[in-house]
N, C-alpha and C. Protein backbone atom coordinates (compact mmCIF):
# COMPACT_ATOMS: atom_id res chain seq x y z
N MET A 1 0.83 -1.20 -0.01
CA MET A 1 0.01 -0.02 0.00
C MET A 1 0.88 1.26 0.00
N ARG A 2 1.92 1.23 0.78
CA ARG A 2 2.82 2.38 0.81
C ARG A 2 3.47 2.61 -0.56
N PHE A 3 3.83 1.51 -1.23
CA PHE A 3 4.43 1.62 -2.56
C PHE A 3 3.44 2.31 -3.54
N LEU A 4 2.17 1.92 -3.45
CA LEU A 4 1.16 2.49 -4.32
C LEU A 4 1.01 4.00 -4.04
N SER A 5 1.05 4.39 -2.78
CA SER A 5 0.93 5.82 -2.41
C SER A 5 2.10 6.60 -2.96
N LEU A 6 3.32 6.05 -2.85
CA LEU A 6 4.50 6.74 -3.37
C LEU A 6 4.42 6.83 -4.91
N LEU A 7 3.97 5.76 -5.54
CA LEU A 7 3.86 5.76 -6.98
C LEU A 7 2.87 6.85 -7.44
N LEU A 8 1.73 6.95 -6.79
CA LEU A 8 0.77 7.99 -7.11
C LEU A 8 1.34 9.40 -6.89
N LEU A 9 2.07 9.57 -5.81
CA LEU A 9 2.69 10.85 -5.53
C LEU A 9 3.64 11.25 -6.64
N PHE A 10 4.47 10.33 -7.10
CA PHE A 10 5.41 10.61 -8.20
C PHE A 10 4.70 10.88 -9.52
N LEU A 11 3.55 10.26 -9.73
CA LEU A 11 2.81 10.46 -10.97
C LEU A 11 2.04 11.76 -10.95
N VAL A 12 1.48 12.10 -9.82
CA VAL A 12 0.63 13.31 -9.73
C VAL A 12 1.41 14.59 -9.50
N ALA A 13 2.53 14.52 -8.78
CA ALA A 13 3.31 15.72 -8.48
C ALA A 13 3.73 16.50 -9.73
N PRO A 14 4.27 15.83 -10.78
CA PRO A 14 4.62 16.60 -11.96
C PRO A 14 3.41 17.28 -12.62
N LEU A 15 2.26 16.64 -12.58
CA LEU A 15 1.08 17.26 -13.15
C LEU A 15 0.66 18.47 -12.36
N ALA A 16 0.74 18.41 -11.05
CA ALA A 16 0.38 19.53 -10.20
C ALA A 16 1.32 20.71 -10.43
N SER A 17 2.62 20.44 -10.53
CA SER A 17 3.56 21.55 -10.73
C SER A 17 3.39 22.14 -12.13
N GLU A 18 3.04 21.30 -13.15
CA GLU A 18 2.78 21.81 -14.45
C GLU A 18 1.52 22.67 -14.46
N ALA A 19 0.49 22.27 -13.74
CA ALA A 19 -0.72 23.08 -13.62
C ALA A 19 -0.42 24.40 -12.99
N GLN A 20 0.43 24.44 -11.95
CA GLN A 20 0.80 25.68 -11.32
C GLN A 20 1.57 26.57 -12.25
N SER A 21 2.43 26.00 -13.08
CA SER A 21 3.24 26.81 -13.98
C SER A 21 2.38 27.42 -15.08
N HIS A 22 1.17 26.92 -15.35
CA HIS A 22 0.31 27.48 -16.36
C HIS A 22 -0.76 28.41 -15.76
N ALA A 23 -0.68 28.70 -14.49
CA ALA A 23 -1.64 29.62 -13.88
C ALA A 23 -1.41 31.03 -14.43
N THR A 24 -2.43 31.83 -14.47
CA THR A 24 -2.31 33.19 -14.99
C THR A 24 -1.33 33.97 -14.09
N PRO A 25 -0.28 34.53 -14.69
CA PRO A 25 0.69 35.29 -13.90
C PRO A 25 0.02 36.53 -13.26
N ALA A 26 0.43 36.88 -12.10
CA ALA A 26 -0.16 37.98 -11.34
C ALA A 26 -0.24 39.28 -12.14
N PRO A 27 0.78 39.68 -12.92
CA PRO A 27 0.66 40.93 -13.67
C PRO A 27 -0.45 40.92 -14.72
N LEU A 28 -0.99 39.73 -15.06
CA LEU A 28 -2.06 39.64 -16.04
C LEU A 28 -3.40 39.31 -15.43
N ALA A 29 -3.49 39.28 -14.12
CA ALA A 29 -4.71 38.82 -13.44
C ALA A 29 -5.95 39.58 -13.87
N PHE A 30 -5.84 40.89 -14.09
CA PHE A 30 -7.01 41.66 -14.50
C PHE A 30 -7.65 41.11 -15.77
N PHE A 31 -6.82 40.64 -16.70
CA PHE A 31 -7.35 40.15 -17.98
C PHE A 31 -8.22 38.92 -17.82
N SER A 32 -8.00 38.16 -16.74
CA SER A 32 -8.88 36.99 -16.48
C SER A 32 -10.30 37.44 -16.29
N ARG A 33 -10.50 38.63 -15.73
CA ARG A 33 -11.85 39.15 -15.53
C ARG A 33 -12.54 39.54 -16.81
N LEU A 34 -11.75 39.76 -17.87
CA LEU A 34 -12.31 40.16 -19.15
C LEU A 34 -12.70 38.98 -20.05
N VAL A 35 -12.26 37.78 -19.68
CA VAL A 35 -12.53 36.61 -20.54
C VAL A 35 -14.02 36.45 -20.77
N GLY A 36 -14.42 36.34 -22.03
CA GLY A 36 -15.82 36.18 -22.39
C GLY A 36 -16.17 37.01 -23.59
N GLU A 37 -17.45 37.12 -23.85
CA GLU A 37 -17.96 37.94 -24.97
C GLU A 37 -18.69 39.13 -24.39
N TRP A 38 -18.39 40.30 -24.96
CA TRP A 38 -18.94 41.56 -24.49
C TRP A 38 -19.59 42.31 -25.65
N GLU A 39 -20.67 42.98 -25.39
CA GLU A 39 -21.35 43.79 -26.43
C GLU A 39 -21.87 45.07 -25.84
N GLY A 40 -22.00 46.06 -26.68
CA GLY A 40 -22.56 47.31 -26.22
C GLY A 40 -22.35 48.40 -27.26
N GLU A 41 -22.54 49.62 -26.80
CA GLU A 41 -22.46 50.78 -27.70
C GLU A 41 -21.14 51.50 -27.48
N ALA A 42 -20.65 52.08 -28.54
CA ALA A 42 -19.45 52.90 -28.50
C ALA A 42 -19.68 54.14 -29.36
N TRP A 43 -18.94 55.17 -29.05
CA TRP A 43 -18.94 56.33 -29.92
C TRP A 43 -17.50 56.68 -30.21
N ILE A 44 -17.29 57.21 -31.41
CA ILE A 44 -15.95 57.61 -31.83
C ILE A 44 -16.04 58.86 -32.67
N ILE A 45 -15.05 59.72 -32.54
CA ILE A 45 -14.92 60.93 -33.40
C ILE A 45 -13.68 60.70 -34.24
N MET A 46 -13.87 60.54 -35.54
CA MET A 46 -12.74 60.36 -36.46
C MET A 46 -12.87 61.34 -37.61
N GLY A 47 -11.90 62.23 -37.73
CA GLY A 47 -11.87 63.15 -38.84
C GLY A 47 -13.06 64.11 -38.84
N PRO A 48 -13.38 64.63 -40.01
CA PRO A 48 -14.42 65.65 -40.11
C PRO A 48 -15.83 65.09 -40.05
N GLY A 49 -16.01 63.77 -39.97
CA GLY A 49 -17.33 63.16 -39.96
C GLY A 49 -18.08 63.35 -38.68
N GLY A 50 -17.43 63.80 -37.62
CA GLY A 50 -18.12 63.98 -36.35
C GLY A 50 -18.30 62.67 -35.59
N LYS A 51 -19.11 62.70 -34.58
CA LYS A 51 -19.33 61.56 -33.72
C LYS A 51 -20.14 60.51 -34.43
N GLN A 52 -19.66 59.25 -34.34
CA GLN A 52 -20.39 58.11 -34.90
C GLN A 52 -20.70 57.12 -33.78
N ILE A 53 -21.89 56.56 -33.82
CA ILE A 53 -22.29 55.59 -32.81
C ILE A 53 -22.12 54.20 -33.41
N LEU A 54 -21.39 53.36 -32.71
CA LEU A 54 -21.10 52.01 -33.17
C LEU A 54 -21.70 50.97 -32.26
N GLN A 55 -21.95 49.79 -32.80
CA GLN A 55 -22.23 48.62 -31.99
C GLN A 55 -20.90 47.90 -31.87
N GLN A 56 -20.45 47.68 -30.65
CA GLN A 56 -19.13 47.11 -30.41
C GLN A 56 -19.24 45.72 -29.79
N ARG A 57 -18.40 44.86 -30.26
CA ARG A 57 -18.31 43.49 -29.70
C ARG A 57 -16.83 43.20 -29.44
N GLU A 58 -16.54 42.71 -28.22
CA GLU A 58 -15.18 42.33 -27.86
C GLU A 58 -15.23 40.90 -27.36
N THR A 59 -14.30 40.08 -27.82
CA THR A 59 -14.17 38.71 -27.36
C THR A 59 -12.78 38.51 -26.78
N VAL A 60 -12.71 38.06 -25.52
CA VAL A 60 -11.44 37.88 -24.84
C VAL A 60 -11.29 36.43 -24.48
N GLU A 61 -10.14 35.84 -24.79
CA GLU A 61 -9.86 34.46 -24.46
C GLU A 61 -8.53 34.36 -23.75
N ALA A 62 -8.46 33.42 -22.82
CA ALA A 62 -7.18 33.06 -22.18
C ALA A 62 -6.65 31.86 -22.96
N VAL A 63 -5.41 31.94 -23.43
CA VAL A 63 -4.78 30.88 -24.18
C VAL A 63 -3.44 30.53 -23.56
N ALA A 64 -2.85 29.45 -24.03
CA ALA A 64 -1.54 29.02 -23.52
C ALA A 64 -1.55 28.92 -22.00
N GLY A 65 -2.59 28.23 -21.50
CA GLY A 65 -2.65 28.00 -20.05
C GLY A 65 -2.90 29.24 -19.23
N GLY A 66 -3.50 30.27 -19.82
CA GLY A 66 -3.78 31.50 -19.08
C GLY A 66 -2.58 32.45 -19.02
N THR A 67 -1.56 32.20 -19.85
CA THR A 67 -0.38 33.04 -19.83
C THR A 67 -0.41 34.09 -20.95
N VAL A 68 -1.40 33.98 -21.86
CA VAL A 68 -1.60 34.93 -22.94
C VAL A 68 -3.10 35.17 -23.06
N PHE A 69 -3.47 36.40 -23.36
CA PHE A 69 -4.87 36.74 -23.59
C PHE A 69 -5.02 37.32 -25.00
N THR A 70 -6.05 36.92 -25.70
CA THR A 70 -6.36 37.48 -27.00
C THR A 70 -7.62 38.31 -26.89
N ILE A 71 -7.64 39.42 -27.58
CA ILE A 71 -8.77 40.34 -27.59
C ILE A 71 -9.14 40.65 -29.02
N LYS A 72 -10.34 40.34 -29.43
CA LYS A 72 -10.80 40.64 -30.79
C LYS A 72 -11.95 41.65 -30.67
N GLY A 73 -11.81 42.77 -31.35
CA GLY A 73 -12.82 43.81 -31.31
C GLY A 73 -13.37 44.12 -32.69
N ILE A 74 -14.70 44.20 -32.79
CA ILE A 74 -15.37 44.57 -34.03
C ILE A 74 -16.37 45.67 -33.69
N GLY A 75 -16.26 46.78 -34.39
CA GLY A 75 -17.22 47.87 -34.21
C GLY A 75 -17.93 48.11 -35.54
N THR A 76 -19.26 48.10 -35.52
CA THR A 76 -20.02 48.26 -36.77
C THR A 76 -20.92 49.49 -36.67
N LEU A 77 -21.18 50.08 -37.82
CA LEU A 77 -22.03 51.24 -37.96
C LEU A 77 -23.18 50.91 -38.89
N LYS A 78 -24.40 51.19 -38.43
CA LYS A 78 -25.55 50.99 -39.30
C LYS A 78 -25.70 52.20 -40.21
N GLU A 79 -25.65 51.96 -41.51
CA GLU A 79 -25.75 53.00 -42.51
C GLU A 79 -27.22 53.41 -42.67
N PRO A 80 -27.49 54.61 -43.21
CA PRO A 80 -28.86 55.06 -43.44
C PRO A 80 -29.69 54.10 -44.33
N ASP A 81 -29.03 53.39 -45.22
CA ASP A 81 -29.75 52.43 -46.09
C ASP A 81 -29.98 51.10 -45.40
N GLY A 82 -29.58 50.97 -44.12
CA GLY A 82 -29.81 49.73 -43.38
C GLY A 82 -28.66 48.77 -43.44
N SER A 83 -27.69 49.00 -44.30
CA SER A 83 -26.53 48.10 -44.36
C SER A 83 -25.63 48.35 -43.13
N VAL A 84 -24.78 47.39 -42.86
CA VAL A 84 -23.87 47.48 -41.72
C VAL A 84 -22.43 47.58 -42.25
N LYS A 85 -21.71 48.55 -41.74
CA LYS A 85 -20.33 48.77 -42.18
C LYS A 85 -19.39 48.55 -40.99
N VAL A 86 -18.33 47.75 -41.20
CA VAL A 86 -17.34 47.55 -40.17
C VAL A 86 -16.44 48.77 -40.12
N MET A 87 -16.41 49.44 -38.94
CA MET A 87 -15.62 50.64 -38.75
C MET A 87 -14.34 50.38 -37.99
N HIS A 88 -14.37 49.29 -37.19
CA HIS A 88 -13.24 48.97 -36.36
C HIS A 88 -13.09 47.45 -36.34
N ASP A 89 -11.89 46.98 -36.71
CA ASP A 89 -11.61 45.56 -36.73
C ASP A 89 -10.21 45.38 -36.21
N ALA A 90 -10.07 44.90 -34.96
CA ALA A 90 -8.74 44.81 -34.36
C ALA A 90 -8.58 43.51 -33.58
N PHE A 91 -7.35 43.15 -33.38
CA PHE A 91 -7.00 41.95 -32.63
C PHE A 91 -5.76 42.27 -31.81
N ALA A 92 -5.70 41.80 -30.58
CA ALA A 92 -4.55 42.08 -29.74
C ALA A 92 -4.18 40.84 -28.91
N THR A 93 -2.90 40.79 -28.55
CA THR A 93 -2.44 39.79 -27.61
C THR A 93 -1.83 40.52 -26.42
N VAL A 94 -2.07 39.96 -25.24
CA VAL A 94 -1.48 40.50 -24.01
C VAL A 94 -0.67 39.35 -23.40
N TYR A 95 0.54 39.63 -23.05
CA TYR A 95 1.45 38.57 -22.57
C TYR A 95 2.54 39.22 -21.70
N LEU A 96 3.36 38.41 -21.09
CA LEU A 96 4.50 38.93 -20.33
C LEU A 96 5.76 38.91 -21.16
N ASP A 97 6.58 39.93 -20.97
CA ASP A 97 7.87 40.02 -21.67
C ASP A 97 8.77 38.88 -21.16
N HIS A 98 9.96 38.81 -21.72
CA HIS A 98 10.89 37.74 -21.34
C HIS A 98 11.27 37.77 -19.87
N ASP A 99 11.07 38.91 -19.20
CA ASP A 99 11.41 38.99 -17.77
C ASP A 99 10.32 38.38 -16.89
N HIS A 100 9.20 37.95 -17.50
CA HIS A 100 8.10 37.32 -16.79
C HIS A 100 7.39 38.25 -15.80
N VAL A 101 7.62 39.53 -15.94
CA VAL A 101 7.05 40.54 -15.05
C VAL A 101 6.34 41.65 -15.80
N THR A 102 6.92 42.08 -16.89
CA THR A 102 6.43 43.24 -17.63
C THR A 102 5.33 42.83 -18.63
N PRO A 103 4.09 43.32 -18.43
CA PRO A 103 3.03 43.02 -19.38
C PRO A 103 3.23 43.77 -20.72
N ARG A 104 2.92 43.12 -21.79
CA ARG A 104 3.05 43.69 -23.14
C ARG A 104 1.74 43.53 -23.90
N LEU A 105 1.48 44.43 -24.81
CA LEU A 105 0.30 44.36 -25.65
C LEU A 105 0.78 44.55 -27.09
N ARG A 106 0.34 43.68 -27.97
CA ARG A 106 0.59 43.85 -29.41
C ARG A 106 -0.79 43.91 -30.06
N ALA A 107 -1.04 44.98 -30.78
CA ALA A 107 -2.35 45.19 -31.41
C ALA A 107 -2.21 45.19 -32.94
N PHE A 108 -3.18 44.58 -33.58
CA PHE A 108 -3.24 44.51 -35.04
C PHE A 108 -4.56 45.13 -35.47
N VAL A 109 -4.48 45.96 -36.53
CA VAL A 109 -5.71 46.57 -37.04
C VAL A 109 -5.88 46.26 -38.52
N ALA A 110 -7.12 46.33 -38.99
CA ALA A 110 -7.42 45.97 -40.35
C ALA A 110 -7.02 47.05 -41.35
N HIS A 111 -6.77 48.27 -40.88
CA HIS A 111 -6.37 49.32 -41.78
C HIS A 111 -5.22 50.10 -41.14
N GLY A 112 -4.54 50.91 -41.90
CA GLY A 112 -3.44 51.66 -41.35
C GLY A 112 -2.24 50.76 -41.07
N ALA A 113 -1.52 51.01 -40.00
CA ALA A 113 -0.35 50.22 -39.63
C ALA A 113 -0.83 48.80 -39.35
N ASN A 114 -0.06 47.83 -39.74
CA ASN A 114 -0.44 46.44 -39.53
C ASN A 114 -0.48 46.06 -38.07
N TRP A 115 0.49 46.55 -37.28
CA TRP A 115 0.51 46.22 -35.84
C TRP A 115 1.27 47.32 -35.10
N LEU A 116 1.05 47.35 -33.79
CA LEU A 116 1.77 48.29 -32.94
C LEU A 116 1.96 47.68 -31.56
N ASP A 117 2.96 48.16 -30.89
CA ASP A 117 3.28 47.74 -29.52
C ASP A 117 3.18 48.96 -28.60
N PRO A 118 1.97 49.27 -28.14
CA PRO A 118 1.82 50.47 -27.28
C PRO A 118 2.34 50.18 -25.88
N ASP A 119 2.53 51.27 -25.14
CA ASP A 119 2.90 51.14 -23.72
C ASP A 119 1.67 50.62 -22.98
N LEU A 120 1.89 49.69 -22.05
CA LEU A 120 0.77 49.07 -21.32
C LEU A 120 1.05 49.21 -19.82
N THR A 121 0.07 49.71 -19.08
CA THR A 121 0.14 49.82 -17.63
C THR A 121 -1.06 49.09 -17.06
N VAL A 122 -0.79 48.07 -16.26
CA VAL A 122 -1.86 47.28 -15.63
C VAL A 122 -1.95 47.62 -14.16
N THR A 123 -3.18 47.83 -13.68
CA THR A 123 -3.43 48.06 -12.24
C THR A 123 -4.41 46.98 -11.77
N ALA A 124 -4.69 46.97 -10.50
CA ALA A 124 -5.67 46.00 -9.94
C ALA A 124 -7.05 46.25 -10.50
N ASN A 125 -7.36 47.50 -10.88
CA ASN A 125 -8.70 47.87 -11.33
C ASN A 125 -8.85 48.04 -12.83
N GLY A 126 -7.80 47.80 -13.59
CA GLY A 126 -7.89 47.98 -15.02
C GLY A 126 -6.53 48.11 -15.67
N PHE A 127 -6.54 48.76 -16.81
CA PHE A 127 -5.27 48.98 -17.51
C PHE A 127 -5.40 50.15 -18.48
N SER A 128 -4.27 50.70 -18.85
CA SER A 128 -4.19 51.77 -19.83
C SER A 128 -3.17 51.38 -20.88
N TRP A 129 -3.44 51.76 -22.12
CA TRP A 129 -2.45 51.56 -23.15
C TRP A 129 -2.35 52.87 -23.94
N SER A 130 -1.13 53.19 -24.35
CA SER A 130 -0.91 54.48 -24.99
C SER A 130 0.19 54.39 -26.05
N MET A 131 0.15 55.39 -26.93
CA MET A 131 1.16 55.44 -28.01
C MET A 131 1.16 56.84 -28.59
N LYS A 132 2.21 57.08 -29.39
CA LYS A 132 2.25 58.33 -30.15
C LYS A 132 1.78 58.02 -31.55
N ASP A 133 0.97 58.93 -32.09
CA ASP A 133 0.47 58.81 -33.45
C ASP A 133 0.88 60.05 -34.21
N PRO A 134 1.49 59.91 -35.38
CA PRO A 134 1.95 61.11 -36.10
C PRO A 134 0.82 62.04 -36.52
N ARG A 135 -0.39 61.55 -36.63
CA ARG A 135 -1.53 62.39 -37.00
C ARG A 135 -2.21 63.02 -35.80
N ALA A 136 -2.31 62.31 -34.69
CA ALA A 136 -3.13 62.75 -33.56
C ALA A 136 -2.34 63.17 -32.35
N GLY A 137 -1.07 62.84 -32.27
CA GLY A 137 -0.24 63.13 -31.10
C GLY A 137 -0.24 61.95 -30.16
N MET A 138 -0.38 62.21 -28.86
CA MET A 138 -0.43 61.12 -27.88
C MET A 138 -1.84 60.60 -27.78
N ILE A 139 -1.98 59.27 -27.74
CA ILE A 139 -3.27 58.61 -27.59
C ILE A 139 -3.20 57.68 -26.41
N ARG A 140 -4.29 57.69 -25.62
CA ARG A 140 -4.34 56.79 -24.46
C ARG A 140 -5.75 56.22 -24.33
N TYR A 141 -5.80 54.96 -24.02
CA TYR A 141 -7.06 54.26 -23.74
C TYR A 141 -7.03 53.78 -22.29
N ASP A 142 -8.08 54.06 -21.51
CA ASP A 142 -8.19 53.62 -20.13
C ASP A 142 -9.33 52.64 -20.03
N VAL A 143 -9.08 51.47 -19.42
CA VAL A 143 -10.05 50.41 -19.31
C VAL A 143 -10.30 50.08 -17.84
N ALA A 144 -11.56 49.96 -17.45
CA ALA A 144 -11.93 49.57 -16.08
C ALA A 144 -13.36 49.05 -16.10
N PHE A 145 -13.77 48.50 -14.98
CA PHE A 145 -15.17 48.09 -14.81
C PHE A 145 -15.90 49.20 -14.07
N ASP A 146 -17.14 49.44 -14.43
CA ASP A 146 -17.95 50.41 -13.68
C ASP A 146 -18.67 49.70 -12.54
N ALA A 147 -19.47 50.42 -11.78
CA ALA A 147 -20.15 49.85 -10.60
C ALA A 147 -21.10 48.72 -10.99
N GLU A 148 -21.55 48.67 -12.24
CA GLU A 148 -22.45 47.62 -12.69
C GLU A 148 -21.71 46.42 -13.30
N GLY A 149 -20.39 46.46 -13.25
CA GLY A 149 -19.61 45.33 -13.80
C GLY A 149 -19.43 45.39 -15.29
N ARG A 150 -19.72 46.54 -15.89
CA ARG A 150 -19.55 46.68 -17.35
C ARG A 150 -18.11 47.11 -17.66
N TRP A 151 -17.66 46.71 -18.82
CA TRP A 151 -16.34 47.09 -19.35
C TRP A 151 -16.50 48.49 -19.94
N VAL A 152 -15.76 49.44 -19.38
CA VAL A 152 -15.80 50.81 -19.86
C VAL A 152 -14.37 51.14 -20.35
N GLU A 153 -14.31 51.63 -21.59
CA GLU A 153 -13.01 52.01 -22.17
C GLU A 153 -13.18 53.42 -22.73
N LYS A 154 -12.23 54.28 -22.41
CA LYS A 154 -12.26 55.66 -22.88
C LYS A 154 -10.96 55.97 -23.58
N GLY A 155 -11.07 56.60 -24.73
CA GLY A 155 -9.90 57.03 -25.50
C GLY A 155 -9.78 58.53 -25.50
N VAL A 156 -8.58 59.02 -25.23
CA VAL A 156 -8.28 60.45 -25.23
C VAL A 156 -7.01 60.69 -26.05
N MET A 157 -6.89 61.90 -26.57
CA MET A 157 -5.67 62.26 -27.31
C MET A 157 -5.19 63.62 -26.88
N SER A 158 -3.89 63.82 -27.05
CA SER A 158 -3.27 65.08 -26.67
C SER A 158 -2.29 65.48 -27.80
N ARG A 159 -2.48 66.70 -28.26
CA ARG A 159 -1.56 67.21 -29.30
C ARG A 159 -0.48 68.11 -28.67
N ASP A 160 -0.49 68.26 -27.35
CA ASP A 160 0.49 69.11 -26.69
C ASP A 160 1.25 68.36 -25.63
N GLU A 161 1.67 67.13 -25.95
CA GLU A 161 2.50 66.31 -25.06
C GLU A 161 1.89 66.04 -23.68
N GLY A 162 0.57 65.90 -23.64
CA GLY A 162 -0.08 65.50 -22.40
C GLY A 162 -0.57 66.61 -21.51
N LYS A 163 -0.50 67.85 -21.97
CA LYS A 163 -0.96 68.95 -21.13
C LYS A 163 -2.48 68.98 -21.10
N THR A 164 -3.12 68.82 -22.27
CA THR A 164 -4.57 68.76 -22.37
C THR A 164 -4.97 67.51 -23.13
N TRP A 165 -6.08 66.90 -22.70
CA TRP A 165 -6.56 65.67 -23.31
C TRP A 165 -7.98 65.87 -23.84
N THR A 166 -8.22 65.35 -25.04
CA THR A 166 -9.52 65.48 -25.68
C THR A 166 -10.11 64.08 -25.88
N PRO A 167 -11.31 63.82 -25.35
CA PRO A 167 -11.94 62.53 -25.56
C PRO A 167 -12.32 62.35 -27.03
N PHE A 168 -12.09 61.13 -27.56
CA PHE A 168 -12.49 60.84 -28.94
C PHE A 168 -13.17 59.47 -29.06
N PHE A 169 -13.18 58.70 -27.97
CA PHE A 169 -13.74 57.35 -28.03
C PHE A 169 -14.23 56.95 -26.65
N GLU A 170 -15.38 56.22 -26.63
CA GLU A 170 -15.83 55.63 -25.41
C GLU A 170 -16.73 54.44 -25.73
N MET A 171 -16.53 53.36 -24.98
CA MET A 171 -17.46 52.22 -25.17
C MET A 171 -17.82 51.70 -23.79
N THR A 172 -19.05 51.20 -23.68
CA THR A 172 -19.56 50.57 -22.48
C THR A 172 -20.15 49.26 -22.89
N LEU A 173 -19.57 48.18 -22.43
CA LEU A 173 -19.96 46.81 -22.84
C LEU A 173 -20.44 46.00 -21.67
N SER A 174 -21.44 45.19 -21.93
CA SER A 174 -21.95 44.23 -20.95
C SER A 174 -21.54 42.81 -21.37
N ARG A 175 -21.29 41.99 -20.37
CA ARG A 175 -20.90 40.61 -20.65
C ARG A 175 -22.08 39.85 -21.22
N LYS A 176 -21.88 39.17 -22.32
CA LYS A 176 -22.92 38.35 -22.94
C LYS A 176 -22.68 36.86 -22.68
N ARG A 177 -21.45 36.51 -22.43
CA ARG A 177 -21.09 35.12 -22.14
C ARG A 177 -19.80 35.09 -21.39
């Protein structure tokens, strides 16, 4: 009986340590709360067209044992003729750098630059990502949950190196799954 107990210990211990090694790293814990499908309304101001109201859908998955998160976003606009136009189509991965401490975000968009690596700051209550854009100046997105548990993301831009910020995007999404 003791032999059988030792044998089970040797067989199960490697599995337990492997399971622990695939747990979501602490710097990415917030993203675990985003896993699922989200839908809601967004508004964006792009160019001379003024404010546009979009239907936004975000899908977040934990992959590679919870060590990487994927985020797929689609924003659509209903045209006056009833047709639906995709205005925003993006995909991102969130992962830890080689130091296993620094969170990174790589974002891919359907138009413009193929991908970008913005600065990412993760807190217990959300995260921010930012970058410099040659057309708009500094751009920052802040993500958090509101009191109702909805995903709220706000985009602001600054043409004067962060002295003043102008809102240009906001979405409020509810979990669908």
